[in-house]
Amino acid sequence: NRGPINKGELWVNFLSCHKTQQSLLSSASGYSNYRGVLNWCVVMLVLSNARLFLENLLRYGILVDPIQVISLFLNDPYSWPAACLVIGRFNVKTLAVPLCLSLSAQGSFTELVGFLVHCTNMAVMLTFPAAVVLLVPSVTPVGGVFVLGTYTILFLKLYSYKDVNMWCRELSTVKAKKLARSLSCPSGQTLNGGDRQVCYPGNLTIRDMYYFVFAPTLCYELNFPRSPNIRMSFLLRRLFEMVRKYLIFLLSFHQWMIPIIQSSMKPLEDMDLSRMTERLLRLAVPNHLMWLMFFYWFFHSSLNFTAELLRFGDRQFYKDWWNSESVTYFWQNWNIPVHKWCLRHFYKPLLRRGFSKKVSQSAVFFLSAFFHEYLVSVPLRMFRLWAFMGMMAQLPLAWFVGHFLRGNYGNAAVWISIIIGQPFAVLMYVHDYYVLHYRQEAD
């Protein structure tokens, strides 16, 4: 079928074994399958960290102490100020907001009075827990972070709750006829999960408020997307991941990070630049791995567990931030709930008020820097502004990466800023905390 064999061509093919082609590692070859190289990197990473783990055990022994873990949360086992503050004041603030908005919707007080009540409530929500953490000695730094983190989340949620209900109230008063057609709920209309659709002001209920408070989102809406049912297998997998990651996190912190931090105090006090750099690089690896574990534990396991339990349908808590080629792309995609809140309730309102995009972006970073410092300095009872300056430094870094680095170089710059920037701030805070508390006691 192939026809007669040409002996001349056969001899030419037999004698020649070369042709014009590029090496696989050359960019001109177009080769892109580096799966084996990626596997090699993973194997080398595992072997390198296994060596560090064995070296750590041989040098320090087993450092994990369950009693010490408990003491991070409680100084006095019979006095739980952090938990009492969260449970008591948390519920008071949560119940007050729908009550005030319901009275405002009924016309019981003016818009100005409602605005003043809301501003007072939001201000007290940030200042009162901070005052308790600063003034009550039995509140530990970890307990303080838990309290302030809880109230910060509640602050952002209630701000969104107020905004959305204000928008609905404005529509109901200014465009009553259009509202009757666009936001009315015909009887029997249901959502995807079988739940009845809610309309303003029918959403101003305690049940609706508490669902939003515990839902894994910071942005309120009258009708959240709902999943049809709760998958028990999915729920148990996420729960197992949460417990496993939490135990690995504590083990890594006690066994790996604490010895490095303790050995870094002397170089920091002596201002030994070379030793400080060496300690910073040593701390970068465990700190970064713990940050990755925290990301997976919180944004994937915990938020998916909560979403499944509440049948919350929107599960996009993060995007592909690991492919970030710019600093702005990273901050827009690694924490979707916060990004949505900033975009909806802070960035776009500033644009509507006539501010430029650069000013609005700077304001968003300033707000984020404030809350980062709030969540670190207040629990530690010292104000050094390292977290604030670290966040504000993202602005010039974003400009530099966006103008001078592209593609893989930009992605590498983002990774370097994450891996090196965080342990630097950790060392600064630990050093200042050590000098402020332990060295003064020794003197």
Protein backbone atom coordinates (compact mmCIF):
# COMPACT_ATOMS: atom_id res chain seq x y z
CA ASN A 1 0.00 0.00 0.00
CA ARG A 2 2.90 2.38 0.66
CA GLY A 3 4.30 1.83 -2.83
CA PRO A 4 7.78 0.74 -3.84
CA ILE A 5 10.63 1.52 -1.43
CA ASN A 6 13.07 4.15 -2.68
CA LYS A 7 16.49 2.80 -1.71
CA GLY A 8 18.07 6.25 -2.08
CA GLU A 9 15.76 7.83 0.46
CA LEU A 10 16.23 4.82 2.73
CA TRP A 11 19.99 5.26 2.77
CA VAL A 12 19.68 9.02 3.34
CA ASN A 13 17.40 8.45 6.34
CA PHE A 14 19.75 5.77 7.62
CA LEU A 15 22.87 7.92 7.34
CA SER A 16 21.37 11.19 8.74
CA CYS A 17 19.97 11.45 12.27
CA HIS A 18 19.92 15.23 12.80
CA LYS A 19 17.54 18.02 11.92
CA THR A 20 17.21 21.71 12.75
CA GLN A 21 15.56 22.01 16.18
CA GLN A 22 15.86 23.92 19.47
CA SER A 23 16.83 22.65 22.91
CA LEU A 24 13.84 22.07 25.16
CA LEU A 25 14.96 24.62 27.75
CA SER A 26 15.29 27.34 25.09
CA SER A 27 12.41 29.78 24.89
CA ALA A 28 12.27 29.29 21.10
CA SER A 29 11.38 25.60 21.50
CA GLY A 30 7.89 26.35 22.81
CA TYR A 31 8.18 23.50 25.32
CA SER A 32 6.10 24.02 28.48
CA ASN A 33 5.62 20.62 30.17
CA TYR A 34 7.72 20.97 33.33
CA ARG A 35 5.63 18.64 35.49
CA GLY A 36 8.66 16.53 36.37
CA VAL A 37 10.61 19.62 37.45
CA LEU A 38 7.70 20.65 39.68
CA ASN A 39 7.67 17.19 41.27
CA TRP A 40 11.43 17.49 41.80
CA CYS A 41 10.93 20.83 43.57
CA VAL A 42 8.32 19.27 45.84
CA VAL A 43 10.62 16.34 46.68
CA MET A 44 13.52 18.70 47.43
CA LEU A 45 11.26 20.86 49.59
CA VAL A 46 10.09 17.84 51.59
CA LEU A 47 13.63 16.53 52.06
CA SER A 48 14.98 19.94 53.09
CA ASN A 49 12.25 20.49 55.66
CA ALA A 50 12.59 16.91 56.93
CA ARG A 51 16.26 17.62 57.63
CA LEU A 52 15.33 20.84 59.45
CA PHE A 53 12.70 18.97 61.45
CA LEU A 54 15.18 16.30 62.57
CA GLU A 55 17.79 18.93 63.38
CA ASN A 56 15.23 20.80 65.46
CA LEU A 57 14.30 17.66 67.42
CA LEU A 58 17.94 16.76 68.05
CA ARG A 59 18.78 20.28 69.25
CA TYR A 60 15.71 21.23 71.31
CA GLY A 61 13.80 18.01 71.94
CA ILE A 62 9.99 18.05 72.06
CA LEU A 63 8.85 21.57 72.99
CA VAL A 64 5.08 21.22 72.57
CA ASP A 65 3.36 21.71 75.93
CA PRO A 66 -0.47 21.45 76.05
CA ILE A 67 -0.59 23.51 79.27
CA GLN A 68 1.36 26.29 77.60
CA VAL A 69 -1.07 26.21 74.67
CA ILE A 70 -4.00 26.69 77.04
CA SER A 71 -2.18 29.50 78.85
CA LEU A 72 -1.98 31.41 75.57
CA PHE A 73 -5.74 31.85 75.81
CA LEU A 74 -6.28 31.99 79.57
CA ASN A 75 -4.24 33.40 82.43
CA ASP A 76 -6.91 32.67 85.01
CA PRO A 77 -9.01 29.54 84.24
CA TYR A 78 -11.83 30.92 86.40
CA SER A 79 -11.99 34.28 84.63
CA TRP A 80 -12.68 34.40 80.90
CA PRO A 81 -12.90 38.12 80.09
CA ALA A 82 -12.33 37.60 76.36
CA ALA A 83 -15.11 35.03 76.01
CA CYS A 84 -17.49 37.02 78.22
CA LEU A 85 -16.82 40.16 76.21
CA VAL A 86 -17.55 38.38 72.93
CA ILE A 87 -20.70 36.59 74.10
CA GLY A 88 -22.25 39.44 76.08
CA ARG A 89 -21.44 42.64 74.25
CA PHE A 90 -21.53 40.86 70.87
CA ASN A 91 -25.19 39.93 71.28
CA VAL A 92 -26.17 43.39 72.56
CA LYS A 93 -24.64 45.07 69.51
CA THR A 94 -26.15 42.52 67.14
CA LEU A 95 -29.67 42.93 68.50
CA ALA A 96 -29.49 46.73 68.61
CA VAL A 97 -28.93 47.25 64.88
CA PRO A 98 -32.08 45.61 63.41
CA LEU A 99 -34.14 47.25 66.17
CA CYS A 100 -32.88 50.73 65.25
CA LEU A 101 -33.33 50.11 61.52
CA SER A 102 -36.84 48.77 62.08
CA LEU A 103 -37.77 51.88 64.05
CA SER A 104 -36.26 54.03 61.31
CA ALA A 105 -38.24 52.18 58.63
CA GLN A 106 -41.43 52.79 60.62
CA GLY A 107 -40.62 56.51 60.85
CA SER A 108 -40.23 56.45 64.65
CA PHE A 109 -37.24 58.82 64.41
CA THR A 110 -35.63 60.95 61.74
CA GLU A 111 -32.81 60.01 59.40
CA LEU A 112 -30.40 62.24 61.33
CA VAL A 113 -31.19 60.56 64.65
CA GLY A 114 -30.75 57.14 63.07
CA PHE A 115 -27.41 58.19 61.59
CA LEU A 116 -26.16 59.47 64.96
CA VAL A 117 -27.27 56.29 66.74
CA HIS A 118 -25.54 54.18 64.11
CA CYS A 119 -22.28 56.18 64.31
CA THR A 120 -22.28 55.94 68.10
CA ASN A 121 -22.89 52.20 67.98
CA MET A 122 -20.09 51.62 65.46
CA ALA A 123 -17.62 53.79 67.37
CA VAL A 124 -18.34 52.00 70.65
CA MET A 125 -17.98 48.68 68.86
CA LEU A 126 -14.31 49.42 68.11
CA THR A 127 -13.33 51.42 71.20
CA PHE A 128 -15.00 49.48 74.03
CA PRO A 129 -13.37 46.07 73.31
CA ALA A 130 -10.01 47.81 72.79
CA ALA A 131 -10.37 49.56 76.17
CA VAL A 132 -11.19 46.27 77.89
CA VAL A 133 -8.20 44.53 76.30
CA LEU A 134 -5.89 47.37 77.31
CA LEU A 135 -7.16 47.78 80.87
CA VAL A 136 -7.95 44.20 81.99
CA PRO A 137 -4.65 42.42 82.81
CA SER A 138 -6.12 38.91 82.57
CA VAL A 139 -6.80 39.30 78.83
CA THR A 140 -3.90 37.57 77.07
CA PRO A 141 -2.56 38.72 73.67
CA VAL A 142 -4.17 35.72 71.96
CA GLY A 143 -7.47 36.39 73.72
CA GLY A 144 -7.19 40.04 72.73
CA VAL A 145 -6.69 39.14 69.07
CA PHE A 146 -9.74 36.86 69.25
CA VAL A 147 -11.90 39.60 70.80
CA LEU A 148 -10.80 42.41 68.49
CA GLY A 149 -10.95 40.17 65.42
CA THR A 150 -14.52 39.19 66.29
CA TYR A 151 -15.61 42.78 66.80
CA THR A 152 -13.83 43.94 63.66
CA ILE A 153 -15.75 41.37 61.63
CA LEU A 154 -18.98 42.43 63.34
CA PHE A 155 -18.16 46.09 62.64
CA LEU A 156 -17.73 45.43 58.91
CA LYS A 157 -20.87 43.28 58.77
CA LEU A 158 -23.08 45.81 60.54
CA TYR A 159 -21.72 48.62 58.38
CA SER A 160 -22.78 46.64 55.30
CA TYR A 161 -26.13 45.81 56.94
CA LYS A 162 -26.77 49.51 57.55
CA ASP A 163 -25.76 50.51 54.01
CA VAL A 164 -27.94 47.95 52.23
CA ASN A 165 -31.00 48.76 54.33
CA MET A 166 -30.39 52.46 53.79
CA TRP A 167 -30.33 51.88 50.02
CA CYS A 168 -33.57 49.91 50.24
CA ARG A 169 -35.18 52.64 52.35
CA GLU A 170 -34.13 55.32 49.85
CA LEU A 171 -35.61 53.30 47.00
CA SER A 172 -38.84 52.79 48.91
CA THR A 173 -39.28 56.51 49.53
CA VAL A 174 -37.97 58.05 46.30
CA LYS A 175 -39.08 55.46 43.74
CA ALA A 176 -42.09 53.84 45.33
CA LYS A 177 -43.76 52.84 42.07
CA LYS A 178 -40.62 51.33 40.56
CA LEU A 179 -39.90 49.57 43.84
CA ALA A 180 -43.32 47.95 43.80
CA ARG A 181 -42.47 46.37 40.47
CA SER A 182 -38.75 45.61 40.94
CA LEU A 183 -38.46 44.57 44.59
CA SER A 184 -41.90 43.21 45.31
CA CYS A 185 -42.11 39.52 46.14
CA PRO A 186 -45.03 37.65 44.60
CA SER A 187 -46.55 35.14 46.95
CA GLY A 188 -44.97 31.74 46.70
CA GLN A 189 -41.76 32.96 45.04
CA THR A 190 -38.80 30.96 46.35
CA LEU A 191 -35.04 30.88 45.95
CA ASN A 192 -32.89 28.03 44.67
CA GLY A 193 -32.64 26.40 48.09
CA GLY A 194 -36.41 26.39 48.59
CA ASP A 195 -36.40 29.40 50.94
CA ARG A 196 -38.95 32.15 50.48
CA GLN A 197 -37.64 35.43 49.09
CA VAL A 198 -37.51 38.34 51.54
CA CYS A 199 -38.13 42.00 50.76
CA TYR A 200 -37.50 45.21 52.69
CA PRO A 201 -38.56 45.85 55.44
CA GLY A 202 -39.45 42.20 56.00
CA ASN A 203 -35.75 41.42 56.37
CA LEU A 204 -35.42 43.42 59.61
CA THR A 205 -35.75 40.42 61.90
CA ILE A 206 -33.55 38.86 64.56
CA ARG A 207 -33.32 35.62 62.58
CA ASP A 208 -32.15 37.41 59.43
CA MET A 209 -29.63 39.42 61.44
CA TYR A 210 -28.09 36.38 63.14
CA TYR A 211 -27.92 34.44 59.88
CA PHE A 212 -25.90 37.27 58.35
CA VAL A 213 -23.68 37.57 61.44
CA PHE A 214 -22.65 33.91 61.23
CA ALA A 215 -22.62 33.67 57.41
CA PRO A 216 -19.12 33.57 55.83
CA THR A 217 -19.42 36.98 54.18
CA LEU A 218 -19.02 40.63 55.10
CA CYS A 219 -21.49 41.99 52.52
CA TYR A 220 -25.18 41.91 53.33
CA GLU A 221 -28.00 41.30 50.91
CA LEU A 222 -31.66 40.56 51.44
CA ASN A 223 -31.59 37.13 49.78
CA PHE A 224 -28.35 35.17 49.86
CA PRO A 225 -27.80 32.30 47.41
CA ARG A 226 -28.57 29.05 49.23
CA SER A 227 -27.49 25.47 48.57
CA PRO A 228 -30.30 22.88 48.47
CA ASN A 229 -29.10 20.75 51.41
CA ILE A 230 -26.27 20.04 53.84
CA ARG A 231 -23.77 17.42 52.66
CA MET A 232 -22.60 15.56 55.76
CA SER A 233 -19.57 13.99 54.04
CA PHE A 234 -18.37 17.42 52.87
CA LEU A 235 -18.99 18.86 56.34
CA LEU A 236 -17.00 16.11 58.09
CA ARG A 237 -14.08 16.43 55.65
CA ARG A 238 -13.83 20.15 56.32
CA LEU A 239 -14.07 19.56 60.08
CA PHE A 240 -11.28 16.98 59.93
CA GLU A 241 -9.13 19.42 57.93
CA MET A 242 -9.75 22.16 60.49
CA VAL A 243 -8.66 19.99 63.42
CA ARG A 244 -5.66 18.56 61.58
CA LYS A 245 -4.38 21.92 60.33
CA TYR A 246 -4.87 23.49 63.75
CA LEU A 247 -2.78 20.81 65.47
CA ILE A 248 -0.04 21.04 62.83
CA PHE A 249 -0.08 24.83 63.20
CA LEU A 250 0.42 24.65 66.98
CA LEU A 251 3.13 22.00 66.60
CA SER A 252 5.02 24.10 64.04
CA PHE A 253 4.72 27.25 66.13
CA HIS A 254 6.04 25.72 69.35
CA GLN A 255 8.61 23.39 67.83
CA TRP A 256 9.94 25.51 64.99
CA MET A 257 9.18 29.22 65.31
CA ILE A 258 9.63 29.87 69.03
CA PRO A 259 13.28 28.64 69.16
CA ILE A 260 14.18 30.82 66.16
CA ILE A 261 12.47 33.86 67.68
CA GLN A 262 14.17 33.33 71.04
CA SER A 263 17.58 33.01 69.40
CA SER A 264 16.93 36.25 67.49
CA MET A 265 16.68 38.49 70.55
CA LYS A 266 20.44 38.79 71.12
CA PRO A 267 21.32 39.84 67.52
CA LEU A 268 18.47 42.37 67.60
CA GLU A 269 19.67 43.88 70.87
CA ASP A 270 23.27 44.05 69.62
CA MET A 271 22.13 45.36 66.20
CA ASP A 272 24.26 42.68 64.53
CA LEU A 273 23.12 43.14 60.93
CA SER A 274 24.56 39.91 59.53
CA ARG A 275 23.12 37.76 62.35
CA MET A 276 19.79 39.59 62.11
CA THR A 277 19.61 38.83 58.38
CA GLU A 278 20.43 35.17 59.03
CA ARG A 279 17.69 34.92 61.69
CA LEU A 280 15.23 36.66 59.38
CA LEU A 281 15.88 34.13 56.61
CA ARG A 282 15.63 31.24 59.09
CA LEU A 283 12.29 32.53 60.32
CA ALA A 284 10.96 33.16 56.81
CA VAL A 285 10.42 29.48 55.94
CA PRO A 286 8.40 28.34 59.01
CA ASN A 287 6.52 31.64 59.13
CA HIS A 288 5.52 31.33 55.48
CA LEU A 289 4.48 27.69 55.81
CA MET A 290 2.35 28.58 58.83
CA TRP A 291 0.79 31.46 56.89
CA LEU A 292 -0.11 29.04 54.09
CA MET A 293 -1.57 26.60 56.61
CA PHE A 294 -3.62 29.42 58.15
CA PHE A 295 -4.88 30.42 54.71
CA TYR A 296 -6.04 26.89 53.96
CA TRP A 297 -7.46 26.39 57.47
CA PHE A 298 -9.47 29.61 57.47
CA PHE A 299 -10.38 30.46 53.87
CA HIS A 300 -10.96 26.92 52.64
CA SER A 301 -11.75 24.59 55.53
CA SER A 302 -13.39 26.89 58.10
CA LEU A 303 -15.37 29.13 55.74
CA ASN A 304 -16.54 26.16 53.67
CA PHE A 305 -17.56 24.36 56.88
CA THR A 306 -19.59 27.39 57.98
CA ALA A 307 -21.08 27.86 54.51
CA GLU A 308 -22.13 24.22 54.31
CA LEU A 309 -23.65 24.33 57.78
CA LEU A 310 -25.69 27.45 56.90
CA ARG A 311 -26.33 26.34 53.29
CA PHE A 312 -24.61 29.51 52.08
CA GLY A 313 -24.24 29.23 48.32
CA ASP A 314 -21.41 31.64 47.45
CA ARG A 315 -18.20 29.71 48.19
CA GLN A 316 -15.73 31.98 46.37
CA PHE A 317 -13.62 32.98 49.37
CA TYR A 318 -10.38 33.31 47.37
CA LYS A 319 -9.12 33.29 43.81
CA ASP A 320 -5.79 32.38 42.22
CA TRP A 321 -3.69 34.83 44.25
CA TRP A 322 -0.68 32.51 43.90
CA ASN A 323 -0.50 33.52 40.21
CA SER A 324 -0.39 37.23 41.09
CA GLU A 325 1.88 39.21 38.78
CA SER A 326 1.17 42.46 40.64
CA VAL A 327 0.67 43.46 44.26
CA THR A 328 -2.80 44.85 43.57
CA TYR A 329 -3.91 41.55 42.01
CA PHE A 330 -2.76 39.71 45.14
CA TRP A 331 -4.72 41.95 47.50
CA GLN A 332 -7.80 41.72 45.27
CA ASN A 333 -7.84 37.92 45.18
CA TRP A 334 -6.43 36.37 48.35
CA ASN A 335 -9.27 37.56 50.64
CA ILE A 336 -12.46 37.87 48.60
CA PRO A 337 -14.86 38.70 51.50
CA VAL A 338 -12.77 41.71 52.56
CA HIS A 339 -12.16 42.74 48.94
CA LYS A 340 -15.89 42.68 48.19
CA TRP A 341 -16.61 44.78 51.27
CA CYS A 342 -13.93 47.37 50.44
CA LEU A 343 -15.08 47.57 46.83
CA ARG A 344 -18.78 47.85 47.65
CA HIS A 345 -18.79 50.01 50.78
CA PHE A 346 -15.59 52.05 50.60
CA TYR A 347 -13.90 52.23 47.18
CA LYS A 348 -16.96 52.80 44.96
CA PRO A 349 -18.57 55.31 47.36
CA LEU A 350 -15.34 57.33 47.24
CA LEU A 351 -15.42 57.26 43.43
CA ARG A 352 -19.05 58.42 43.45
CA ARG A 353 -18.03 61.34 45.65
CA GLY A 354 -15.54 62.50 43.03
CA PHE A 355 -12.27 61.06 44.33
CA SER A 356 -9.78 59.67 41.83
CA LYS A 357 -8.91 55.98 41.56
CA LYS A 358 -5.44 56.50 43.04
CA VAL A 359 -6.78 58.40 46.03
CA SER A 360 -9.49 55.78 46.57
CA GLN A 361 -6.99 52.91 46.35
CA SER A 362 -4.70 54.69 48.82
CA ALA A 363 -7.65 55.17 51.17
CA VAL A 364 -8.44 51.44 50.99
CA PHE A 365 -4.84 50.56 51.89
CA PHE A 366 -4.94 53.12 54.72
CA LEU A 367 -8.10 51.53 56.13
CA SER A 368 -6.54 48.07 55.87
CA ALA A 369 -3.36 49.34 57.54
CA PHE A 370 -5.40 50.77 60.42
CA PHE A 371 -7.17 47.48 61.10
CA HIS A 372 -3.92 45.49 60.81
CA GLU A 373 -2.32 47.72 63.43
CA TYR A 374 -5.49 47.68 65.55
CA LEU A 375 -5.47 43.87 65.64
CA VAL A 376 -1.78 43.67 66.59
CA SER A 377 -0.87 46.67 68.75
CA VAL A 378 -3.90 46.67 71.06
CA PRO A 379 -3.62 42.97 72.11
CA LEU A 380 0.14 43.41 72.65
CA ARG A 381 -0.54 46.68 74.57
CA MET A 382 2.15 48.56 72.66
CA PHE A 383 2.04 50.82 69.61
CA ARG A 384 4.95 50.48 67.18
CA LEU A 385 3.13 50.87 63.81
CA TRP A 386 5.09 48.06 62.14
CA ALA A 387 1.93 46.49 60.69
CA PHE A 388 0.63 49.91 59.63
CA MET A 389 3.86 50.81 57.85
CA GLY A 390 4.03 47.36 56.28
CA MET A 391 0.60 47.81 54.72
CA MET A 392 1.28 51.35 53.57
CA ALA A 393 4.55 50.15 52.02
CA GLN A 394 2.40 48.07 49.66
CA LEU A 395 1.54 51.26 47.75
CA PRO A 396 5.07 52.08 46.49
CA LEU A 397 5.74 48.35 46.07
CA ALA A 398 2.61 48.02 43.91
CA TRP A 399 3.73 50.99 41.81
CA PHE A 400 7.25 49.58 41.36
CA VAL A 401 6.10 46.06 40.46
CA GLY A 402 3.40 47.38 38.13
CA HIS A 403 5.80 49.64 36.20
CA PHE A 404 9.05 47.67 36.10
CA LEU A 405 8.23 43.97 36.53
CA ARG A 406 6.06 41.78 34.36
CA GLY A 407 5.04 38.14 34.17
CA ASN A 408 7.14 35.73 36.21
CA TYR A 409 9.29 38.57 37.56
CA GLY A 410 6.21 40.27 38.98
CA ASN A 411 5.00 36.99 40.48
CA ALA A 412 8.42 36.42 42.08
CA ALA A 413 8.34 39.94 43.55
CA VAL A 414 4.94 39.27 45.11
CA TRP A 415 6.16 36.00 46.64
CA ILE A 416 9.31 37.65 48.01
CA SER A 417 7.28 40.44 49.62
CA ILE A 418 5.06 37.83 51.32
CA ILE A 419 7.87 35.52 52.43
CA ILE A 420 10.26 38.22 53.71
CA GLY A 421 7.89 40.99 54.81
CA GLN A 422 5.88 38.99 57.34
CA PRO A 423 8.80 37.55 59.38
CA PHE A 424 10.40 41.00 59.48
CA ALA A 425 7.27 42.42 61.14
CA VAL A 426 7.09 39.39 63.46
CA LEU A 427 10.68 39.93 64.64
CA MET A 428 10.09 43.63 65.21
CA TYR A 429 6.98 43.07 67.32
CA VAL A 430 8.49 40.18 69.28
CA HIS A 431 11.64 42.17 70.01
CA ASP A 432 9.69 45.22 71.19
CA TYR A 433 7.36 43.04 73.28
CA TYR A 434 10.35 41.28 74.85
CA VAL A 435 12.10 44.56 75.65
CA LEU A 436 8.92 46.11 77.05
CA HIS A 437 7.90 43.21 79.30
CA TYR A 438 10.60 40.65 80.01
CA ARG A 439 13.81 42.67 80.00
CA GLN A 440 12.28 45.30 82.28
CA GLU A 441 11.24 42.54 84.69
CA ALA A 442 14.77 41.12 84.60
CA ASP A 443 16.25 44.56 85.33
